Amino acid sequence: MPNGLEIAKTAIDDFKEIQEYMFLAKEENAQKTYAKLKKKYFSLKALLNVAGVDLTDIDEIKE
C-alpha cells in the first residue's frame, strides 16, 4: 500500500503531465481536449492543495 509521500509524488507527476498535454492541446487548438484536460488539472490541483503541496513552482498554467 502506498504511503502519503508516494501518493503525493504520483499526483505531482500527473499534474505536471496534464500541464504538458494542456500546452499541446492549446497549441493545436484542440478545444474539446483542452477542456477535458482542464477538468483533470483542477482535480489534481485541488488534491495537491489539500495535501499541502506548494504549487508555486510547478503550476505553469495558473488557471
Protein backbone atom coordinates (compact mmCIF):
# COMPACT_ATOMS: atom_id res chain seq x y z
CA MET A 1 0.00 0.00 0.00
CA PRO A 2 1.46 3.39 -0.99
CA ASN A 3 2.25 5.90 1.73
CA GLY A 4 1.37 9.60 1.68
CA LEU A 5 4.66 10.62 0.11
CA GLU A 6 4.25 8.14 -2.75
CA ILE A 7 0.70 9.34 -3.36
CA ALA A 8 1.82 12.99 -3.39
CA LYS A 9 4.66 12.20 -5.81
CA THR A 10 2.29 10.41 -8.18
CA ALA A 11 -0.17 13.32 -8.04
CA ILE A 12 2.62 15.84 -8.69
CA ASP A 13 3.88 13.80 -11.65
CA ASP A 14 0.32 13.55 -13.01
CA PHE A 15 -0.16 17.29 -12.52
CA LYS A 16 2.99 18.08 -14.50
CA GLU A 17 1.98 15.67 -17.26
CA ILE A 18 -1.52 17.14 -17.56
CA GLN A 19 0.00 20.60 -17.93
CA GLU A 20 2.24 19.37 -20.77
CA TYR A 21 -0.80 17.95 -22.56
CA MET A 22 -2.73 21.18 -21.96
CA PHE A 23 0.04 23.21 -23.61
CA LEU A 24 -0.02 20.87 -26.61
CA ALA A 25 -3.80 20.94 -26.87
CA LYS A 26 -3.83 24.73 -26.73
CA GLU A 27 -1.09 24.94 -29.36
CA GLU A 28 -3.08 22.60 -31.65
CA ASN A 29 -6.32 24.49 -30.92
CA ALA A 30 -7.88 21.26 -29.63
CA GLN A 31 -10.58 22.96 -27.59
CA LYS A 32 -12.50 19.85 -26.50
CA THR A 33 -9.31 18.08 -25.48
CA TYR A 34 -8.12 21.15 -23.59
CA ALA A 35 -11.46 21.41 -21.74
CA LYS A 36 -11.24 17.74 -20.69
CA LEU A 37 -7.65 18.14 -19.53
CA LYS A 38 -8.59 21.29 -17.64
CA LYS A 39 -11.09 19.31 -15.54
CA LYS A 40 -8.37 16.82 -14.60
CA TYR A 41 -5.97 19.72 -13.96
CA PHE A 42 -8.40 21.31 -11.47
CA SER A 43 -8.99 17.96 -9.73
CA LEU A 44 -5.28 17.34 -9.29
CA LYS A 45 -4.69 20.94 -8.22
CA ALA A 46 -7.39 20.62 -5.54
CA LEU A 47 -5.95 17.32 -4.32
CA LEU A 48 -2.46 18.76 -4.09
CA ASN A 49 -3.72 21.86 -2.28
CA VAL A 50 -5.50 19.68 0.30
CA ALA A 51 -2.29 17.67 0.69
CA GLY A 52 -0.43 20.90 1.44
CA VAL A 53 1.76 20.85 -1.68
CA ASP A 54 3.09 24.28 -2.66
CA LEU A 55 2.22 24.62 -6.36
CA THR A 56 4.05 27.92 -6.85
CA ASP A 57 6.95 26.40 -8.77
CA ILE A 58 5.14 23.61 -10.62
CA ASP A 59 1.89 25.27 -11.72
CA GLU A 60 2.67 26.62 -15.18
CA ILE A 61 -0.94 27.01 -16.33
CA LYS A 62 -2.15 29.21 -13.43
CA GLU A 63 -5.88 28.95 -14.16
